[in-house]
Amino acid sequence: MVKFFRLLGLLSQSIFLQFVHLVGLVAFLVAAAFGYFRVPSWTVPILAVVCGVVVDKYVDVTDVTGLLEKASKANERGGFLILVYAVITVVGYIVGAYSRHHHEKSKASAAPKLNNK
């Protein structure tokens, strides 16, 4: 149980680091757009893997490693970054789908009701 909570803490710190680098924010916004525009949900894991691999290979994250030392060490492992981006993109997709649902619901309630008597 303790290891599970440590993993959650490490995962949340890594997500924070990815958002500081703005790559995590971009992945979140793209996943939210996927959810909003009803792109099939099978694209979310693909987006997570692509973002994780790109960040692992091409993005230099050493500028904020002093913030969270353990998370930056974990981010050096490509598999962990894929897990981080899987969480980011799944949450983004759910937020986008929920906002689409809420937008349609509010648009339907704002439409005038017609009485056909």
Protein backbone atom coordinates (compact mmCIF):
# COMPACT_ATOMS: atom_id res chain seq x y z
CA MET A 1 0.00 0.00 0.00
CA VAL A 2 2.86 2.35 0.81
CA LYS A 3 4.45 1.62 -2.56
CA PHE A 4 1.17 2.47 -4.28
CA PHE A 5 1.03 5.85 -2.56
CA ARG A 6 4.67 6.50 -3.40
CA LEU A 7 3.93 5.70 -7.05
CA LEU A 8 0.96 8.12 -7.02
CA GLY A 9 3.15 10.81 -5.48
CA LEU A 10 5.89 10.25 -8.03
CA LEU A 11 3.36 10.22 -10.85
CA SER A 12 1.78 13.49 -9.72
CA GLN A 13 5.21 15.13 -9.42
CA SER A 14 6.12 13.96 -12.91
CA ILE A 15 2.86 15.27 -14.32
CA PHE A 16 3.61 18.61 -12.67
CA LEU A 17 7.08 18.66 -14.30
CA GLN A 18 5.60 17.92 -17.71
CA PHE A 19 3.11 20.75 -17.31
CA VAL A 20 5.96 23.10 -16.29
CA HIS A 21 7.68 22.22 -19.57
CA LEU A 22 4.40 22.98 -21.40
CA VAL A 23 4.64 19.72 -23.35
CA GLY A 24 2.24 18.11 -20.87
CA LEU A 25 -0.14 21.03 -21.25
CA VAL A 26 -0.08 20.70 -25.03
CA ALA A 27 -0.75 16.95 -24.78
CA PHE A 28 -3.61 17.64 -22.35
CA LEU A 29 -5.17 20.23 -24.67
CA VAL A 30 -4.83 17.97 -27.72
CA ALA A 31 -6.48 15.11 -25.82
CA ALA A 32 -9.23 17.46 -24.64
CA ALA A 33 -9.81 18.52 -28.25
CA PHE A 34 -9.99 14.83 -29.23
CA GLY A 35 -12.67 14.29 -26.60
CA TYR A 36 -14.58 17.42 -27.53
CA PHE A 37 -14.68 16.64 -31.24
CA ARG A 38 -15.48 12.95 -30.65
CA VAL A 39 -12.29 11.53 -32.08
CA PRO A 40 -12.26 7.78 -31.38
CA SER A 41 -10.92 6.96 -27.94
CA TRP A 42 -8.35 4.50 -29.28
CA THR A 43 -6.30 7.51 -30.43
CA VAL A 44 -5.62 8.51 -26.81
CA PRO A 45 -3.09 5.72 -26.08
CA ILE A 46 -1.39 6.46 -29.39
CA LEU A 47 -1.10 10.13 -28.42
CA ALA A 48 0.29 9.11 -25.01
CA VAL A 49 2.96 6.86 -26.52
CA VAL A 50 3.95 9.45 -29.13
CA CYS A 51 4.22 12.22 -26.54
CA GLY A 52 6.14 10.00 -24.12
CA VAL A 53 8.65 8.91 -26.75
CA VAL A 54 9.11 12.43 -28.16
CA VAL A 55 9.70 13.92 -24.72
CA ASP A 56 12.06 11.11 -23.79
CA LYS A 57 14.13 11.48 -26.95
CA TYR A 58 13.99 15.17 -27.86
CA VAL A 59 13.01 17.39 -24.93
CA ASP A 60 15.70 18.51 -22.48
CA VAL A 61 14.18 18.54 -19.01
CA THR A 62 17.31 19.43 -17.05
CA ASP A 63 16.31 23.06 -16.51
CA VAL A 64 13.80 22.23 -13.75
CA THR A 65 15.33 19.07 -12.31
CA GLY A 66 16.13 20.92 -9.10
CA LEU A 67 12.42 21.21 -8.39
CA LEU A 68 11.66 17.56 -7.91
CA GLU A 69 14.73 15.35 -7.95
CA LYS A 70 12.99 11.96 -7.66
CA ALA A 71 10.49 12.76 -10.40
CA SER A 72 13.22 13.94 -12.74
CA LYS A 73 15.12 10.70 -12.15
CA ALA A 74 11.97 8.71 -12.93
CA ASN A 75 11.38 10.79 -16.07
CA GLU A 76 14.68 9.51 -17.44
CA ARG A 77 12.99 6.16 -17.98
CA GLY A 78 10.95 6.16 -21.19
CA GLY A 79 8.35 3.70 -19.92
CA PHE A 80 7.52 5.92 -16.99
CA LEU A 81 7.03 8.90 -19.30
CA ILE A 82 4.56 6.87 -21.35
CA LEU A 83 2.64 6.18 -18.13
CA VAL A 84 2.71 9.89 -17.27
CA TYR A 85 1.40 10.88 -20.69
CA ALA A 86 -1.21 8.12 -20.55
CA VAL A 87 -2.63 9.73 -17.41
CA ILE A 88 -2.44 13.22 -18.92
CA THR A 89 -4.13 12.25 -22.18
CA VAL A 90 -6.85 10.09 -20.61
CA VAL A 91 -7.81 12.87 -18.22
CA GLY A 92 -7.69 15.38 -21.09
CA TYR A 93 -9.94 13.20 -23.23
CA ILE A 94 -12.45 12.82 -20.40
CA VAL A 95 -12.44 16.58 -19.78
CA GLY A 96 -13.02 17.24 -23.49
CA ALA A 97 -15.86 14.73 -23.72
CA TYR A 98 -17.48 16.10 -20.58
CA SER A 99 -17.20 19.67 -21.85
CA ARG A 100 -18.83 18.61 -25.14
CA HIS A 101 -21.68 16.99 -23.18
CA HIS A 102 -22.08 20.06 -20.98
CA HIS A 103 -21.99 22.39 -24.00
CA GLU A 104 -24.70 20.42 -25.81
CA LYS A 105 -26.80 20.24 -22.65
CA SER A 106 -26.60 23.98 -22.06
CA LYS A 107 -27.32 24.71 -25.72
CA ALA A 108 -30.41 22.48 -25.58
CA SER A 109 -31.72 24.14 -22.41
CA ALA A 110 -31.18 27.62 -23.91
CA ALA A 111 -33.23 26.80 -27.00
CA PRO A 112 -36.76 28.19 -26.85
CA LYS A 113 -39.47 25.69 -26.08
CA LEU A 114 -42.31 25.58 -28.58
CA ASN A 115 -45.84 24.75 -27.50
CA ASN A 116 -47.86 23.12 -30.22
CA LYS A 117 -51.43 23.56 -29.03
